[in-house]
Amino acid sequence: KIKRMKSRLFSSLLSYCSSAKGLGDFKLLEKRLKALTGNYEIN
C-alpha cells in the first residue's frame, strides 16, 4: 500500500511536469496531494 501511495505521488508530480504548467494545472496538483495526504467523503 505504501508502494501504491508513492506511485500515485510521483504520478501526480510527473503529470504536472508534462502539463502546460498553468494555474489550473498547479491547482490540480494541489488537489491530488490533498487527496493523497488527507481525508474526504464520497457518496
PDB file of all heavy atoms in Angstrom:
ATOM      1  N   LYS A   1       0.836  -1.206   0.000  1.00  0.00           N
ATOM      2  CA  LYS A   1       0.000   0.000   0.000  1.00  0.00           C
ATOM      3  C   LYS A   1       0.872   1.259   0.000  1.00  0.00           C
ATOM      4  O   LYS A   1       0.540   2.253  -0.657  1.00  0.00           O
ATOM      5  CB  LYS A   1      -0.931   0.004   1.216  1.00  0.00           C
ATOM      6  CG  LYS A   1      -2.023  -1.055   1.162  1.00  0.00           C
ATOM      7  CD  LYS A   1      -2.934  -0.864  -0.035  1.00  0.00           C
ATOM      8  CE  LYS A   1      -4.033  -1.916  -0.064  1.00  0.00           C
ATOM      9  NZ  LYS A   1      -4.890  -1.789  -1.265  1.00  0.00           N
ATOM     10  N   ILE A   2       1.978   1.237   0.742  1.00  0.00           N
ATOM     11  CA  ILE A   2       2.911   2.370   0.734  1.00  0.00           C
ATOM     12  C   ILE A   2       3.482   2.553  -0.670  1.00  0.00           C
ATOM     13  O   ILE A   2       3.618   3.678  -1.172  1.00  0.00           O
ATOM     14  CB  ILE A   2       4.037   2.162   1.762  1.00  0.00           C
ATOM     15  CG1 ILE A   2       3.473   2.219   3.197  1.00  0.00           C
ATOM     16  CG2 ILE A   2       5.142   3.191   1.572  1.00  0.00           C
ATOM     17  CD1 ILE A   2       2.963   3.582   3.620  1.00  0.00           C
ATOM     18  N   LYS A   3       3.812   1.438  -1.305  1.00  0.00           N
ATOM     19  CA  LYS A   3       4.332   1.481  -2.677  1.00  0.00           C
ATOM     20  C   LYS A   3       3.313   2.120  -3.617  1.00  0.00           C
ATOM     21  O   LYS A   3       3.660   2.910  -4.504  1.00  0.00           O
ATOM     22  CB  LYS A   3       4.681   0.064  -3.136  1.00  0.00           C
ATOM     23  CG  LYS A   3       5.339  -0.013  -4.496  1.00  0.00           C
ATOM     24  CD  LYS A   3       5.691  -1.464  -4.842  1.00  0.00           C
ATOM     25  CE  LYS A   3       6.315  -1.551  -6.225  1.00  0.00           C
ATOM     26  NZ  LYS A   3       6.636  -2.967  -6.582  1.00  0.00           N
ATOM     27  N   ARG A   4       2.026   1.786  -3.424  1.00  0.00           N
ATOM     28  CA  ARG A   4       0.980   2.377  -4.262  1.00  0.00           C
ATOM     29  C   ARG A   4       0.853   3.873  -4.008  1.00  0.00           C
ATOM     30  O   ARG A   4       0.695   4.659  -4.946  1.00  0.00           O
ATOM     31  CB  ARG A   4      -0.363   1.693  -4.000  1.00  0.00           C
ATOM     32  CG  ARG A   4      -1.507   2.303  -4.796  1.00  0.00           C
ATOM     33  CD  ARG A   4      -2.843   1.680  -4.463  1.00  0.00           C
ATOM     34  NE  ARG A   4      -2.943   0.331  -4.971  1.00  0.00           N
ATOM     35  CZ  ARG A   4      -4.060  -0.392  -4.890  1.00  0.00           C
ATOM     36  NH1 ARG A   4      -5.138   0.116  -4.299  1.00  0.00           N
ATOM     37  NH2 ARG A   4      -4.103  -1.608  -5.385  1.00  0.00           N
ATOM     38  N   MET A   5       0.919   4.283  -2.738  1.00  0.00           N
ATOM     39  CA  MET A   5       0.858   5.718  -2.417  1.00  0.00           C
ATOM     40  C   MET A   5       2.013   6.467  -3.072  1.00  0.00           C
ATOM     41  O   MET A   5       1.827   7.553  -3.629  1.00  0.00           O
ATOM     42  CB  MET A   5       0.906   5.922  -0.896  1.00  0.00           C
ATOM     43  CG  MET A   5      -0.310   5.459  -0.144  1.00  0.00           C
ATOM     44  SD  MET A   5      -0.093   5.740   1.640  1.00  0.00           S
ATOM     45  CE  MET A   5      -1.315   4.616   2.302  1.00  0.00           C
ATOM     46  N   LYS A   6       3.210   5.881  -2.987  1.00  0.00           N
ATOM     47  CA  LYS A   6       4.389   6.508  -3.576  1.00  0.00           C
ATOM     48  C   LYS A   6       4.229   6.610  -5.097  1.00  0.00           C
ATOM     49  O   LYS A   6       4.579   7.635  -5.702  1.00  0.00           O
ATOM     50  CB  LYS A   6       5.640   5.703  -3.221  1.00  0.00           C
ATOM     51  CG  LYS A   6       6.942   6.406  -3.563  1.00  0.00           C
ATOM     52  CD  LYS A   6       8.156   5.550  -3.197  1.00  0.00           C
ATOM     53  CE  LYS A   6       8.274   5.371  -1.701  1.00  0.00           C
ATOM     54  NZ  LYS A   6       9.521   4.648  -1.321  1.00  0.00           N
ATOM     55  N   SER A   7       3.677   5.556  -5.707  1.00  0.00           N
ATOM     56  CA  SER A   7       3.453   5.556  -7.151  1.00  0.00           C
ATOM     57  C   SER A   7       2.485   6.667  -7.549  1.00  0.00           C
ATOM     58  O   SER A   7       2.695   7.379  -8.541  1.00  0.00           O
ATOM     59  CB  SER A   7       2.908   4.190  -7.584  1.00  0.00           C
ATOM     60  OG  SER A   7       2.529   4.206  -8.937  1.00  0.00           O
ATOM     61  N   ARG A   8       1.422   6.843  -6.758  1.00  0.00           N
ATOM     62  CA  ARG A   8       0.444   7.889  -7.065  1.00  0.00           C
ATOM     63  C   ARG A   8       1.024   9.284  -6.820  1.00  0.00           C
ATOM     64  O   ARG A   8       0.679  10.233  -7.528  1.00  0.00           O
ATOM     65  CB  ARG A   8      -0.822   7.669  -6.234  1.00  0.00           C
ATOM     66  CG  ARG A   8      -1.604   6.450  -6.671  1.00  0.00           C
ATOM     67  CD  ARG A   8      -2.851   6.216  -5.845  1.00  0.00           C
ATOM     68  NE  ARG A   8      -3.645   5.135  -6.416  1.00  0.00           N
ATOM     69  CZ  ARG A   8      -4.806   4.711  -5.929  1.00  0.00           C
ATOM     70  NH1 ARG A   8      -5.309   5.288  -4.830  1.00  0.00           N
ATOM     71  NH2 ARG A   8      -5.464   3.733  -6.512  1.00  0.00           N
ATOM     72  N   LEU A   9       1.894   9.390  -5.831  1.00  0.00           N
ATOM     73  CA  LEU A   9       2.559  10.666  -5.565  1.00  0.00           C
ATOM     74  C   LEU A   9       3.399  11.082  -6.769  1.00  0.00           C
ATOM     75  O   LEU A   9       3.278  12.210  -7.273  1.00  0.00           O
ATOM     76  CB  LEU A   9       3.436  10.543  -4.316  1.00  0.00           C
ATOM     77  CG  LEU A   9       4.361  11.718  -4.002  1.00  0.00           C
ATOM     78  CD1 LEU A   9       3.552  12.976  -3.715  1.00  0.00           C
ATOM     79  CD2 LEU A   9       5.286  11.379  -2.831  1.00  0.00           C
ATOM     80  N   PHE A  10       4.237  10.173  -7.249  1.00  0.00           N
ATOM     81  CA  PHE A  10       5.111  10.501  -8.380  1.00  0.00           C
ATOM     82  C   PHE A  10       4.320  10.650  -9.682  1.00  0.00           C
ATOM     83  O   PHE A  10       4.684  11.446 -10.542  1.00  0.00           O
ATOM     84  CB  PHE A  10       6.217   9.467  -8.517  1.00  0.00           C
ATOM     85  CG  PHE A  10       7.290   9.604  -7.481  1.00  0.00           C
ATOM     86  CD1 PHE A  10       7.562   8.593  -6.583  1.00  0.00           C
ATOM     87  CD2 PHE A  10       8.034  10.770  -7.379  1.00  0.00           C
ATOM     88  CE1 PHE A  10       8.539   8.726  -5.612  1.00  0.00           C
ATOM     89  CE2 PHE A  10       9.027  10.924  -6.417  1.00  0.00           C
ATOM     90  CZ  PHE A  10       9.279   9.898  -5.534  1.00  0.00           C
ATOM     91  N   SER A  11       3.234   9.888  -9.813  1.00  0.00           N
ATOM     92  CA  SER A  11       2.368  10.041 -10.981  1.00  0.00           C
ATOM     93  C   SER A  11       1.776  11.443 -11.026  1.00  0.00           C
ATOM     94  O   SER A  11       1.698  12.075 -12.088  1.00  0.00           O
ATOM     95  CB  SER A  11       1.248   8.999 -10.940  1.00  0.00           C
ATOM     96  OG  SER A  11       0.310   9.229 -11.968  1.00  0.00           O
ATOM     97  N   SER A  12       1.380  11.958  -9.858  1.00  0.00           N
ATOM     98  CA  SER A  12       0.818  13.311  -9.777  1.00  0.00           C
ATOM     99  C   SER A  12       1.860  14.365 -10.130  1.00  0.00           C
ATOM    100  O   SER A  12       1.583  15.316 -10.864  1.00  0.00           O
ATOM    101  CB  SER A  12       0.270  13.563  -8.365  1.00  0.00           C
ATOM    102  OG  SER A  12      -0.723  12.620  -8.029  1.00  0.00           O
ATOM    103  N   LEU A  13       3.072  14.182  -9.602  1.00  0.00           N
ATOM    104  CA  LEU A  13       4.149  15.141  -9.867  1.00  0.00           C
ATOM    105  C   LEU A  13       4.564  15.123 -11.337  1.00  0.00           C
ATOM    106  O   LEU A  13       4.765  16.171 -11.961  1.00  0.00           O
ATOM    107  CB  LEU A  13       5.351  14.835  -8.970  1.00  0.00           C
ATOM    108  CG  LEU A  13       5.128  14.998  -7.463  1.00  0.00           C
ATOM    109  CD1 LEU A  13       6.319  14.465  -6.671  1.00  0.00           C
ATOM    110  CD2 LEU A  13       4.876  16.459  -7.093  1.00  0.00           C
ATOM    111  N   LEU A  14       4.680  13.932 -11.916  1.00  0.00           N
ATOM    112  CA  LEU A  14       5.059  13.807 -13.320  1.00  0.00           C
ATOM    113  C   LEU A  14       3.988  14.363 -14.245  1.00  0.00           C
ATOM    114  O   LEU A  14       4.286  14.941 -15.298  1.00  0.00           O
ATOM    115  CB  LEU A  14       5.327  12.345 -13.666  1.00  0.00           C
ATOM    116  CG  LEU A  14       6.676  11.784 -13.205  1.00  0.00           C
ATOM    117  CD1 LEU A  14       6.707  10.268 -13.351  1.00  0.00           C
ATOM    118  CD2 LEU A  14       7.813  12.416 -13.998  1.00  0.00           C
ATOM    119  N   SER A  15       2.718  14.177 -13.845  1.00  0.00           N
ATOM    120  CA  SER A  15       1.616  14.710 -14.649  1.00  0.00           C
ATOM    121  C   SER A  15       1.710  16.232 -14.741  1.00  0.00           C
ATOM    122  O   SER A  15       1.466  16.814 -15.807  1.00  0.00           O
ATOM    123  CB  SER A  15       0.269  14.301 -14.030  1.00  0.00           C
ATOM    124  OG  SER A  15      -0.810  14.833 -14.764  1.00  0.00           O
ATOM    125  N   TYR A  16       2.093  16.862 -13.626  1.00  0.00           N
ATOM    126  CA  TYR A  16       2.262  18.325 -13.660  1.00  0.00           C
ATOM    127  C   TYR A  16       3.450  18.712 -14.548  1.00  0.00           C
ATOM    128  O   TYR A  16       3.375  19.666 -15.322  1.00  0.00           O
ATOM    129  CB  TYR A  16       2.469  18.884 -12.252  1.00  0.00           C
ATOM    130  CG  TYR A  16       2.705  20.383 -12.262  1.00  0.00           C
ATOM    131  CD1 TYR A  16       1.645  21.267 -12.403  1.00  0.00           C
ATOM    132  CD2 TYR A  16       4.000  20.902 -12.174  1.00  0.00           C
ATOM    133  CE1 TYR A  16       1.855  22.644 -12.452  1.00  0.00           C
ATOM    134  CE2 TYR A  16       4.225  22.267 -12.216  1.00  0.00           C
ATOM    135  CZ  TYR A  16       3.145  23.128 -12.356  1.00  0.00           C
ATOM    136  OH  TYR A  16       3.365  24.495 -12.423  1.00  0.00           O
ATOM    137  N   CYS A  17       4.539  17.962 -14.448  1.00  0.00           N
ATOM    138  CA  CYS A  17       5.730  18.275 -15.241  1.00  0.00           C
ATOM    139  C   CYS A  17       5.447  18.233 -16.742  1.00  0.00           C
ATOM    140  O   CYS A  17       6.034  18.999 -17.513  1.00  0.00           O
ATOM    141  CB  CYS A  17       6.865  17.304 -14.916  1.00  0.00           C
ATOM    142  SG  CYS A  17       7.582  17.535 -13.274  1.00  0.00           S
ATOM    143  N   SER A  18       4.556  17.337 -17.160  1.00  0.00           N
ATOM    144  CA  SER A  18       4.246  17.191 -18.580  1.00  0.00           C
ATOM    145  C   SER A  18       3.075  18.067 -19.028  1.00  0.00           C
ATOM    146  O   SER A  18       2.672  18.020 -20.178  1.00  0.00           O
ATOM    147  CB  SER A  18       3.939  15.730 -18.900  1.00  0.00           C
ATOM    148  OG  SER A  18       2.834  15.269 -18.146  1.00  0.00           O
ATOM    149  N   SER A  19       2.517  18.865 -18.093  1.00  0.00           N
ATOM    150  CA  SER A  19       1.381  19.736 -18.423  1.00  0.00           C
ATOM    151  C   SER A  19       1.874  21.079 -18.944  1.00  0.00           C
ATOM    152  O   SER A  19       3.084  21.326 -19.048  1.00  0.00           O
ATOM    153  CB  SER A  19       0.514  19.951 -17.179  1.00  0.00           C
ATOM    154  OG  SER A  19       1.199  20.775 -16.235  1.00  0.00           O
ATOM    155  N   ALA A  20       0.922  21.960 -19.232  1.00  0.00           N
ATOM    156  CA  ALA A  20       1.273  23.318 -19.690  1.00  0.00           C
ATOM    157  C   ALA A  20       1.746  24.188 -18.538  1.00  0.00           C
ATOM    158  O   ALA A  20       2.211  25.320 -18.756  1.00  0.00           O
ATOM    159  CB  ALA A  20       0.068  23.961 -20.370  1.00  0.00           C
ATOM    160  N   LYS A  21       1.600  23.668 -17.305  1.00  0.00           N
ATOM    161  CA  LYS A  21       2.055  24.350 -16.075  1.00  0.00           C
ATOM    162  C   LYS A  21       1.352  25.684 -15.849  1.00  0.00           C
ATOM    163  O   LYS A  21       1.935  26.645 -15.351  1.00  0.00           O
ATOM    164  CB  LYS A  21       3.578  24.549 -16.085  1.00  0.00           C
ATOM    165  CG  LYS A  21       4.362  23.251 -16.238  1.00  0.00           C
ATOM    166  CD  LYS A  21       5.841  23.492 -16.359  1.00  0.00           C
ATOM    167  CE  LYS A  21       6.585  22.206 -16.654  1.00  0.00           C
ATOM    168  NZ  LYS A  21       6.191  21.595 -17.953  1.00  0.00           N
ATOM    169  N   GLY A  22       0.097  25.694 -16.210  1.00  0.00           N
ATOM    170  CA  GLY A  22      -0.714  26.876 -15.947  1.00  0.00           C
ATOM    171  C   GLY A  22      -1.261  26.846 -14.534  1.00  0.00           C
ATOM    172  O   GLY A  22      -1.030  25.896 -13.767  1.00  0.00           O
ATOM    173  N   LEU A  23      -2.032  27.878 -14.171  1.00  0.00           N
ATOM    174  CA  LEU A  23      -2.599  27.959 -12.822  1.00  0.00           C
ATOM    175  C   LEU A  23      -3.528  26.776 -12.548  1.00  0.00           C
ATOM    176  O   LEU A  23      -3.509  26.194 -11.456  1.00  0.00           O
ATOM    177  CB  LEU A  23      -3.362  29.278 -12.653  1.00  0.00           C
ATOM    178  CG  LEU A  23      -4.024  29.510 -11.279  1.00  0.00           C
ATOM    179  CD1 LEU A  23      -2.977  29.513 -10.176  1.00  0.00           C
ATOM    180  CD2 LEU A  23      -4.809  30.824 -11.282  1.00  0.00           C
ATOM    181  N   GLY A  24      -4.319  26.384 -13.557  1.00  0.00           N
ATOM    182  CA  GLY A  24      -5.225  25.249 -13.393  1.00  0.00           C
ATOM    183  C   GLY A  24      -4.486  23.950 -13.154  1.00  0.00           C
ATOM    184  O   GLY A  24      -4.936  23.094 -12.377  1.00  0.00           O
ATOM    185  N   ASP A  25      -3.328  23.778 -13.801  1.00  0.00           N
ATOM    186  CA  ASP A  25      -2.524  22.570 -13.618  1.00  0.00           C
ATOM    187  C   ASP A  25      -1.950  22.496 -12.207  1.00  0.00           C
ATOM    188  O   ASP A  25      -1.907  21.424 -11.596  1.00  0.00           O
ATOM    189  CB  ASP A  25      -1.384  22.535 -14.641  1.00  0.00           C
ATOM    190  CG  ASP A  25      -1.898  22.474 -16.072  1.00  0.00           C
ATOM    191  OD1 ASP A  25      -2.750  21.623 -16.358  1.00  0.00           O
ATOM    192  OD2 ASP A  25      -1.455  23.310 -16.885  1.00  0.00           O
ATOM    193  N   PHE A  26      -1.511  23.638 -11.680  1.00  0.00           N
ATOM    194  CA  PHE A  26      -0.971  23.664 -10.320  1.00  0.00           C
ATOM    195  C   PHE A  26      -2.082  23.396  -9.302  1.00  0.00           C
ATOM    196  O   PHE A  26      -1.876  22.672  -8.321  1.00  0.00           O
ATOM    197  CB  PHE A  26      -0.299  25.007 -10.030  1.00  0.00           C
ATOM    198  CG  PHE A  26       0.409  25.046  -8.696  1.00  0.00           C
ATOM    199  CD1 PHE A  26       1.647  24.431  -8.532  1.00  0.00           C
ATOM    200  CD2 PHE A  26      -0.173  25.675  -7.605  1.00  0.00           C
ATOM    201  CE1 PHE A  26       2.298  24.445  -7.299  1.00  0.00           C
ATOM    202  CE2 PHE A  26       0.471  25.697  -6.372  1.00  0.00           C
ATOM    203  CZ  PHE A  26       1.713  25.086  -6.222  1.00  0.00           C
ATOM    204  N   LYS A  27      -3.269  23.952  -9.547  1.00  0.00           N
ATOM    205  CA  LYS A  27      -4.411  23.707  -8.660  1.00  0.00           C
ATOM    206  C   LYS A  27      -4.769  22.216  -8.647  1.00  0.00           C
ATOM    207  O   LYS A  27      -5.109  21.656  -7.601  1.00  0.00           O
ATOM    208  CB  LYS A  27      -5.623  24.530  -9.109  1.00  0.00           C
ATOM    209  CG  LYS A  27      -5.475  26.031  -8.904  1.00  0.00           C
ATOM    210  CD  LYS A  27      -5.515  26.396  -7.430  1.00  0.00           C
ATOM    211  CE  LYS A  27      -5.492  27.906  -7.221  1.00  0.00           C
ATOM    212  NZ  LYS A  27      -5.425  28.254  -5.768  1.00  0.00           N
ATOM    213  N   LEU A  28      -4.696  21.574  -9.826  1.00  0.00           N
ATOM    214  CA  LEU A  28      -4.990  20.140  -9.906  1.00  0.00           C
ATOM    215  C   LEU A  28      -3.949  19.340  -9.126  1.00  0.00           C
ATOM    216  O   LEU A  28      -4.290  18.381  -8.422  1.00  0.00           O
ATOM    217  CB  LEU A  28      -5.020  19.689 -11.365  1.00  0.00           C
ATOM    218  CG  LEU A  28      -5.262  18.191 -11.612  1.00  0.00           C
ATOM    219  CD1 LEU A  28      -6.574  17.730 -10.980  1.00  0.00           C
ATOM    220  CD2 LEU A  28      -5.259  17.883 -13.105  1.00  0.00           C
ATOM    221  N   LEU A  29      -2.685  19.726  -9.222  1.00  0.00           N
ATOM    222  CA  LEU A  29      -1.633  19.056  -8.450  1.00  0.00           C
ATOM    223  C   LEU A  29      -1.903  19.190  -6.953  1.00  0.00           C
ATOM    224  O   LEU A  29      -1.766  18.221  -6.196  1.00  0.00           O
ATOM    225  CB  LEU A  29      -0.262  19.645  -8.804  1.00  0.00           C
ATOM    226  CG  LEU A  29       0.936  19.126  -7.989  1.00  0.00           C
ATOM    227  CD1 LEU A  29       1.055  17.610  -8.091  1.00  0.00           C
ATOM    228  CD2 LEU A  29       2.229  19.809  -8.436  1.00  0.00           C
ATOM    229  N   GLU A  30      -2.301  20.374  -6.519  1.00  0.00           N
ATOM    230  CA  GLU A  30      -2.630  20.582  -5.104  1.00  0.00           C
ATOM    231  C   GLU A  30      -3.779  19.670  -4.669  1.00  0.00           C
ATOM    232  O   GLU A  30      -3.736  19.075  -3.584  1.00  0.00           O
ATOM    233  CB  GLU A  30      -3.014  22.044  -4.864  1.00  0.00           C
ATOM    234  CG  GLU A  30      -1.842  23.016  -4.825  1.00  0.00           C
ATOM    235  CD  GLU A  30      -2.275  24.411  -4.431  1.00  0.00           C
ATOM    236  OE1 GLU A  30      -3.125  24.998  -5.144  1.00  0.00           O
ATOM    237  OE2 GLU A  30      -1.793  24.918  -3.400  1.00  0.00           O
ATOM    238  N   LYS A  31      -4.801  19.558  -5.517  1.00  0.00           N
ATOM    239  CA  LYS A  31      -5.948  18.708  -5.181  1.00  0.00           C
ATOM    240  C   LYS A  31      -5.527  17.242  -5.087  1.00  0.00           C
ATOM    241  O   LYS A  31      -6.001  16.510  -4.207  1.00  0.00           O
ATOM    242  CB  LYS A  31      -7.054  18.882  -6.220  1.00  0.00           C
ATOM    243  CG  LYS A  31      -7.778  20.212  -6.129  1.00  0.00           C
ATOM    244  CD  LYS A  31      -8.792  20.377  -7.259  1.00  0.00           C
ATOM    245  CE  LYS A  31      -9.453  21.747  -7.207  1.00  0.00           C
ATOM    246  NZ  LYS A  31     -10.396  21.955  -8.339  1.00  0.00           N
ATOM    247  N   ARG A  32      -4.638  16.826  -5.977  1.00  0.00           N
ATOM    248  CA  ARG A  32      -4.162  15.443  -5.924  1.00  0.00           C
ATOM    249  C   ARG A  32      -3.381  15.178  -4.642  1.00  0.00           C
ATOM    250  O   ARG A  32      -3.522  14.120  -4.019  1.00  0.00           O
ATOM    251  CB  ARG A  32      -3.312  15.144  -7.162  1.00  0.00           C
ATOM    252  CG  ARG A  32      -4.151  14.909  -8.411  1.00  0.00           C
ATOM    253  CD  ARG A  32      -3.339  14.714  -9.657  1.00  0.00           C
ATOM    254  NE  ARG A  32      -4.207  14.276 -10.755  1.00  0.00           N
ATOM    255  CZ  ARG A  32      -3.936  14.415 -12.038  1.00  0.00           C
ATOM    256  NH1 ARG A  32      -2.798  15.000 -12.427  1.00  0.00           N
ATOM    257  NH2 ARG A  32      -4.781  13.981 -12.961  1.00  0.00           N
ATOM    258  N   LEU A  33      -2.579  16.127  -4.229  1.00  0.00           N
ATOM    259  CA  LEU A  33      -1.822  15.976  -2.986  1.00  0.00           C
ATOM    260  C   LEU A  33      -2.748  16.012  -1.771  1.00  0.00           C
ATOM    261  O   LEU A  33      -2.512  15.314  -0.775  1.00  0.00           O
ATOM    262  CB  LEU A  33      -0.756  17.064  -2.873  1.00  0.00           C
ATOM    263  CG  LEU A  33       0.379  16.972  -3.902  1.00  0.00           C
ATOM    264  CD1 LEU A  33       1.311  18.169  -3.783  1.00  0.00           C
ATOM    265  CD2 LEU A  33       1.160  15.672  -3.721  1.00  0.00           C
ATOM    266  N   LYS A  34      -3.807  16.803  -1.845  1.00  0.00           N
ATOM    267  CA  LYS A  34      -4.802  16.814  -0.765  1.00  0.00           C
ATOM    268  C   LYS A  34      -5.471  15.444  -0.639  1.00  0.00           C
ATOM    269  O   LYS A  34      -5.659  14.932   0.468  1.00  0.00           O
ATOM    270  CB  LYS A  34      -5.863  17.886  -1.038  1.00  0.00           C
ATOM    271  CG  LYS A  34      -5.392  19.311  -0.805  1.00  0.00           C
ATOM    272  CD  LYS A  34      -6.485  20.314  -1.167  1.00  0.00           C
ATOM    273  CE  LYS A  34      -6.020  21.748  -0.933  1.00  0.00           C
ATOM    274  NZ  LYS A  34      -7.074  22.742  -1.325  1.00  0.00           N
ATOM    275  N   ALA A  35      -5.827  14.856  -1.784  1.00  0.00           N
ATOM    276  CA  ALA A  35      -6.480  13.545  -1.764  1.00  0.00           C
ATOM    277  C   ALA A  35      -5.546  12.456  -1.254  1.00  0.00           C
ATOM    278  O   ALA A  35      -5.978  11.526  -0.560  1.00  0.00           O
ATOM    279  CB  ALA A  35      -6.980  13.195  -3.166  1.00  0.00           C
ATOM    280  N   LEU A  36      -4.256  12.561  -1.581  1.00  0.00           N
ATOM    281  CA  LEU A  36      -3.279  11.555  -1.147  1.00  0.00           C
ATOM    282  C   LEU A  36      -2.942  11.666   0.334  1.00  0.00           C
ATOM    283  O   LEU A  36      -2.784  10.653   1.021  1.00  0.00           O
ATOM    284  CB  LEU A  36      -1.990  11.694  -1.965  1.00  0.00           C
ATOM    285  CG  LEU A  36      -2.005  11.149  -3.385  1.00  0.00           C
ATOM    286  CD1 LEU A  36      -0.746  11.558  -4.122  1.00  0.00           C
ATOM    287  CD2 LEU A  36      -2.136   9.629  -3.378  1.00  0.00           C
ATOM    288  N   THR A  37      -2.820  12.891   0.833  1.00  0.00           N
ATOM    289  CA  THR A  37      -2.349  13.096   2.210  1.00  0.00           C
ATOM    290  C   THR A  37      -3.474  13.385   3.196  1.00  0.00           C
ATOM    291  O   THR A  37      -3.211  13.485   4.399  1.00  0.00           O
ATOM    292  CB  THR A  37      -1.352  14.268   2.266  1.00  0.00           C
ATOM    293  OG1 THR A  37      -2.023  15.480   1.876  1.00  0.00           O
ATOM    294  CG2 THR A  37      -0.173  14.030   1.331  1.00  0.00           C
ATOM    295  N   GLY A  38      -4.705  13.518   2.706  1.00  0.00           N
ATOM    296  CA  GLY A  38      -5.801  13.902   3.581  1.00  0.00           C
ATOM    297  C   GLY A  38      -6.954  12.923   3.572  1.00  0.00           C
ATOM    298  O   GLY A  38      -6.802  11.740   3.242  1.00  0.00           O
ATOM    299  N   ASN A  39      -8.123  13.411   3.946  1.00  0.00           N
ATOM    300  CA  ASN A  39      -9.334  12.610   4.068  1.00  0.00           C
ATOM    301  C   ASN A  39     -10.505  13.371   3.452  1.00  0.00           C
ATOM    302  O   ASN A  39     -10.511  14.604   3.424  1.00  0.00           O
ATOM    303  CB  ASN A  39      -9.628  12.316   5.538  1.00  0.00           C
ATOM    304  CG  ASN A  39      -8.460  11.645   6.241  1.00  0.00           C
ATOM    305  OD1 ASN A  39      -8.311  10.446   6.217  1.00  0.00           O
ATOM    306  ND2 ASN A  39      -7.613  12.454   6.887  1.00  0.00           N
ATOM    307  N   TYR A  40     -11.481  12.633   2.975  1.00  0.00           N
ATOM    308  CA  TYR A  40     -12.641  13.264   2.355  1.00  0.00           C
ATOM    309  C   TYR A  40     -13.818  12.291   2.370  1.00  0.00           C
ATOM    310  O   TYR A  40     -13.673  11.121   2.750  1.00  0.00           O
ATOM    311  CB  TYR A  40     -12.324  13.712   0.920  1.00  0.00           C
ATOM    312  CG  TYR A  40     -11.694  12.644   0.048  1.00  0.00           C
ATOM    313  CD1 TYR A  40     -12.462  11.859  -0.795  1.00  0.00           C
ATOM    314  CD2 TYR A  40     -10.310  12.421   0.073  1.00  0.00           C
ATOM    315  CE1 TYR A  40     -11.888  10.882  -1.594  1.00  0.00           C
ATOM    316  CE2 TYR A  40      -9.726  11.449  -0.722  1.00  0.00           C
ATOM    317  CZ  TYR A  40     -10.520  10.671  -1.557  1.00  0.00           C
ATOM    318  OH  TYR A  40      -9.952   9.703  -2.342  1.00  0.00           O
ATOM    319  N   GLU A  41     -14.979  12.771   1.977  1.00  0.00           N
ATOM    320  CA  GLU A  41     -16.186  11.950   1.960  1.00  0.00           C
ATOM    321  C   GLU A  41     -16.642  11.721   0.524  1.00  0.00           C
ATOM    322  O   GLU A  41     -16.508  12.598  -0.327  1.00  0.00           O
ATOM    323  CB  GLU A  41     -17.308  12.625   2.757  1.00  0.00           C
ATOM    324  CG  GLU A  41     -17.007  12.760   4.241  1.00  0.00           C
ATOM    325  CD  GLU A  41     -18.117  13.478   5.000  1.00  0.00           C
ATOM    326  OE1 GLU A  41     -18.976  14.094   4.325  1.00  0.00           O
ATOM    327  OE2 GLU A  41     -18.134  13.413   6.240  1.00  0.00           O
ATOM    328  N   ILE A  42     -17.176  10.526   0.281  1.00  0.00           N
ATOM    329  CA  ILE A  42     -17.748  10.226  -1.025  1.00  0.00           C
ATOM    330  C   ILE A  42     -19.129   9.618  -0.827  1.00  0.00           C
ATOM    331  O   ILE A  42     -19.401   8.984   0.196  1.00  0.00           O
ATOM    332  CB  ILE A  42     -16.860   9.260  -1.844  1.00  0.00           C
ATOM    333  CG1 ILE A  42     -16.600   7.958  -1.063  1.00  0.00           C
ATOM    334  CG2 ILE A  42     -15.548   9.927  -2.236  1.00  0.00           C
ATOM    335  CD1 ILE A  42     -15.831   6.919  -1.848  1.00  0.00           C
ATOM    336  N   ASN A  43     -19.998   9.813  -1.804  1.00  0.00           N
ATOM    337  CA  ASN A  43     -21.320   9.203  -1.794  1.00  0.00           C
ATOM    338  C   ASN A  43     -21.231   7.832  -2.425  1.00  0.00           C
ATOM    339  O   ASN A  43     -20.708   7.687  -3.527  1.00  0.00           O
ATOM    340  CB  ASN A  43     -22.326  10.050  -2.576  1.00  0.00           C
ATOM    341  CG  ASN A  43     -22.928  11.133  -1.719  1.00  0.00           C
ATOM    342  OD1 ASN A  43     -23.055  10.977  -0.514  1.00  0.00           O
ATOM    343  ND2 ASN A  43     -23.300  12.238  -2.333  1.00  0.00           N
TER     344      ASN A  43
END
